[in-house]
Amino acid sequence: MSEATWRKSSHSDGNGGDCVEVDDANPGTVRDSKDPDGPRLTFTTHAWQAFVTSLKTGDLPVA
């Protein structure tokens, strides 16, 4: 894996709310911004692209 380059969602409110960060250097790798040293999840390229597409098209409910 390449060195991580973490990015928060542009929808993050900046008030310390729940937020997932995406590792731009390793697409499909995410972590909880409140626990940056905690566990990371890594998805296959196909699974990650399907998830992002579902969010963009509104096919996946977001809480």
N, C-alpha and C. Protein backbone atom coordinates (compact mmCIF):
# COMPACT_ATOMS: atom_id res chain seq x y z
N MET A 1 0.82 -1.19 0.00
CA MET A 1 0.00 0.00 0.00
C MET A 1 0.87 1.25 0.00
N SER A 2 0.42 2.26 -0.72
CA SER A 2 1.12 3.54 -0.72
C SER A 2 0.84 4.29 0.57
N GLU A 3 1.64 5.31 0.85
CA GLU A 3 1.42 6.14 2.03
C GLU A 3 0.04 6.79 1.93
N ALA A 4 -0.70 6.76 3.03
CA ALA A 4 -2.08 7.25 3.04
C ALA A 4 -2.16 8.76 2.84
N THR A 5 -3.16 9.16 2.07
CA THR A 5 -3.52 10.56 1.88
C THR A 5 -5.01 10.66 2.17
N TRP A 6 -5.36 11.01 3.42
CA TRP A 6 -6.74 10.97 3.87
C TRP A 6 -7.50 12.23 3.48
N ARG A 7 -8.78 12.03 3.09
CA ARG A 7 -9.64 13.14 2.69
C ARG A 7 -11.03 12.90 3.27
N LYS A 8 -11.57 13.95 3.92
CA LYS A 8 -12.93 13.88 4.44
C LYS A 8 -13.92 14.24 3.36
N SER A 9 -15.13 13.79 3.55
CA SER A 9 -16.20 14.11 2.63
C SER A 9 -16.43 15.61 2.57
N SER A 10 -16.77 16.11 1.40
CA SER A 10 -17.11 17.53 1.26
C SER A 10 -18.40 17.84 1.99
N HIS A 11 -19.14 16.82 2.39
CA HIS A 11 -20.39 17.00 3.14
C HIS A 11 -20.15 17.06 4.64
N SER A 12 -18.91 16.91 5.08
CA SER A 12 -18.60 16.97 6.50
C SER A 12 -18.87 18.39 7.00
N ASP A 13 -19.53 18.48 8.16
CA ASP A 13 -19.91 19.80 8.66
C ASP A 13 -18.80 20.53 9.41
N GLY A 14 -17.70 19.87 9.70
CA GLY A 14 -16.58 20.52 10.38
C GLY A 14 -16.80 20.74 11.86
N ASN A 15 -17.91 20.24 12.41
CA ASN A 15 -18.21 20.42 13.82
C ASN A 15 -17.95 19.16 14.64
N GLY A 16 -17.06 18.31 14.15
CA GLY A 16 -16.72 17.10 14.90
C GLY A 16 -17.73 15.98 14.76
N GLY A 17 -18.60 16.08 13.78
CA GLY A 17 -19.60 15.04 13.57
C GLY A 17 -19.00 13.78 13.01
N ASP A 18 -19.85 12.78 12.85
CA ASP A 18 -19.41 11.51 12.28
C ASP A 18 -18.93 11.72 10.86
N CYS A 19 -17.80 11.17 10.54
CA CYS A 19 -17.27 11.34 9.20
C CYS A 19 -16.36 10.19 8.84
N VAL A 20 -16.48 9.76 7.61
CA VAL A 20 -15.61 8.74 7.07
C VAL A 20 -14.56 9.43 6.22
N GLU A 21 -13.32 9.03 6.35
CA GLU A 21 -12.25 9.56 5.51
C GLU A 21 -11.84 8.49 4.50
N VAL A 22 -11.55 8.94 3.30
CA VAL A 22 -11.13 8.06 2.21
C VAL A 22 -9.65 8.29 1.96
N ASP A 23 -8.93 7.20 1.74
CA ASP A 23 -7.50 7.28 1.44
C ASP A 23 -7.34 7.41 -0.08
N ASP A 24 -7.02 8.61 -0.53
CA ASP A 24 -6.87 8.85 -1.97
C ASP A 24 -5.72 8.07 -2.59
N ALA A 25 -4.71 7.74 -1.79
CA ALA A 25 -3.56 6.99 -2.31
C ALA A 25 -3.90 5.50 -2.48
N ASN A 26 -4.93 5.04 -1.78
CA ASN A 26 -5.33 3.63 -1.82
C ASN A 26 -6.86 3.57 -1.92
N PRO A 27 -7.41 3.79 -3.11
CA PRO A 27 -8.86 3.83 -3.27
C PRO A 27 -9.53 2.59 -2.69
N GLY A 28 -10.64 2.82 -2.00
CA GLY A 28 -11.36 1.73 -1.36
C GLY A 28 -10.98 1.54 0.09
N THR A 29 -10.01 2.31 0.59
CA THR A 29 -9.60 2.23 1.99
C THR A 29 -10.21 3.42 2.73
N VAL A 30 -10.93 3.11 3.83
CA VAL A 30 -11.63 4.14 4.59
C VAL A 30 -11.34 3.97 6.08
N ARG A 31 -11.54 5.06 6.83
CA ARG A 31 -11.40 5.00 8.29
C ARG A 31 -12.37 6.00 8.91
N ASP A 32 -12.55 5.87 10.21
CA ASP A 32 -13.39 6.78 10.99
C ASP A 32 -12.53 7.97 11.40
N SER A 33 -12.95 9.18 11.03
CA SER A 33 -12.13 10.36 11.33
C SER A 33 -11.98 10.61 12.82
N LYS A 34 -12.91 10.10 13.63
CA LYS A 34 -12.82 10.28 15.08
C LYS A 34 -11.80 9.34 15.70
N ASP A 35 -11.37 8.33 14.96
CA ASP A 35 -10.42 7.34 15.46
C ASP A 35 -9.36 7.06 14.38
N PRO A 36 -8.54 8.07 14.06
CA PRO A 36 -7.59 7.93 12.95
C PRO A 36 -6.56 6.82 13.12
N ASP A 37 -6.30 6.39 14.34
CA ASP A 37 -5.36 5.29 14.57
C ASP A 37 -6.06 3.95 14.68
N GLY A 38 -7.38 3.96 14.54
CA GLY A 38 -8.17 2.75 14.66
C GLY A 38 -8.16 1.93 13.38
N PRO A 39 -9.08 0.99 13.31
CA PRO A 39 -9.12 0.09 12.16
C PRO A 39 -9.46 0.80 10.86
N ARG A 40 -9.01 0.22 9.78
CA ARG A 40 -9.29 0.71 8.43
C ARG A 40 -9.96 -0.42 7.67
N LEU A 41 -10.87 -0.06 6.81
CA LEU A 41 -11.54 -1.03 5.96
C LEU A 41 -11.06 -0.84 4.53
N THR A 42 -10.80 -1.93 3.85
CA THR A 42 -10.38 -1.86 2.46
C THR A 42 -11.32 -2.72 1.62
N PHE A 43 -11.86 -2.11 0.57
CA PHE A 43 -12.79 -2.77 -0.33
C PHE A 43 -12.13 -3.00 -1.67
N THR A 44 -12.60 -4.00 -2.41
CA THR A 44 -12.09 -4.20 -3.76
C THR A 44 -12.47 -2.99 -4.61
N THR A 45 -11.75 -2.79 -5.69
CA THR A 45 -12.04 -1.67 -6.58
C THR A 45 -13.47 -1.73 -7.07
N HIS A 46 -13.93 -2.91 -7.46
CA HIS A 46 -15.29 -3.06 -7.97
C HIS A 46 -16.33 -2.71 -6.89
N ALA A 47 -16.14 -3.22 -5.68
CA ALA A 47 -17.08 -2.95 -4.59
C ALA A 47 -17.11 -1.47 -4.25
N TRP A 48 -15.95 -0.83 -4.21
CA TRP A 48 -15.88 0.59 -3.89
C TRP A 48 -16.56 1.43 -4.98
N GLN A 49 -16.31 1.13 -6.24
CA GLN A 49 -16.94 1.88 -7.33
C GLN A 49 -18.46 1.70 -7.30
N ALA A 50 -18.93 0.50 -7.02
CA ALA A 50 -20.37 0.26 -6.93
C ALA A 50 -20.98 1.05 -5.77
N PHE A 51 -20.30 1.10 -4.63
CA PHE A 51 -20.77 1.86 -3.48
C PHE A 51 -20.86 3.34 -3.81
N VAL A 52 -19.81 3.92 -4.37
CA VAL A 52 -19.79 5.35 -4.70
C VAL A 52 -20.86 5.67 -5.74
N THR A 53 -21.01 4.82 -6.74
CA THR A 53 -22.05 5.03 -7.76
C THR A 53 -23.43 5.01 -7.12
N SER A 54 -23.66 4.08 -6.20
CA SER A 54 -24.95 4.00 -5.52
C SER A 54 -25.25 5.26 -4.71
N LEU A 55 -24.23 5.82 -4.08
CA LEU A 55 -24.42 7.06 -3.34
C LEU A 55 -24.78 8.21 -4.27
N LYS A 56 -24.06 8.30 -5.39
CA LYS A 56 -24.28 9.39 -6.33
C LYS A 56 -25.65 9.33 -7.01
N THR A 57 -26.14 8.11 -7.25
CA THR A 57 -27.41 7.95 -7.94
C THR A 57 -28.60 7.89 -6.97
N GLY A 58 -28.30 7.82 -5.69
CA GLY A 58 -29.36 7.76 -4.69
C GLY A 58 -29.95 6.36 -4.51
N ASP A 59 -29.28 5.35 -5.03
CA ASP A 59 -29.77 3.98 -4.91
C ASP A 59 -29.46 3.36 -3.56
N LEU A 60 -28.64 4.01 -2.76
CA LEU A 60 -28.24 3.48 -1.47
C LEU A 60 -28.67 4.48 -0.41
N PRO A 61 -29.52 4.07 0.53
CA PRO A 61 -29.94 5.02 1.57
C PRO A 61 -28.77 5.40 2.46
N VAL A 62 -28.69 6.66 2.80
CA VAL A 62 -27.63 7.18 3.65
C VAL A 62 -28.27 7.69 4.92
N ALA A 63 -27.79 7.22 6.08
CA ALA A 63 -28.35 7.65 7.36
C ALA A 63 -27.71 8.94 7.80
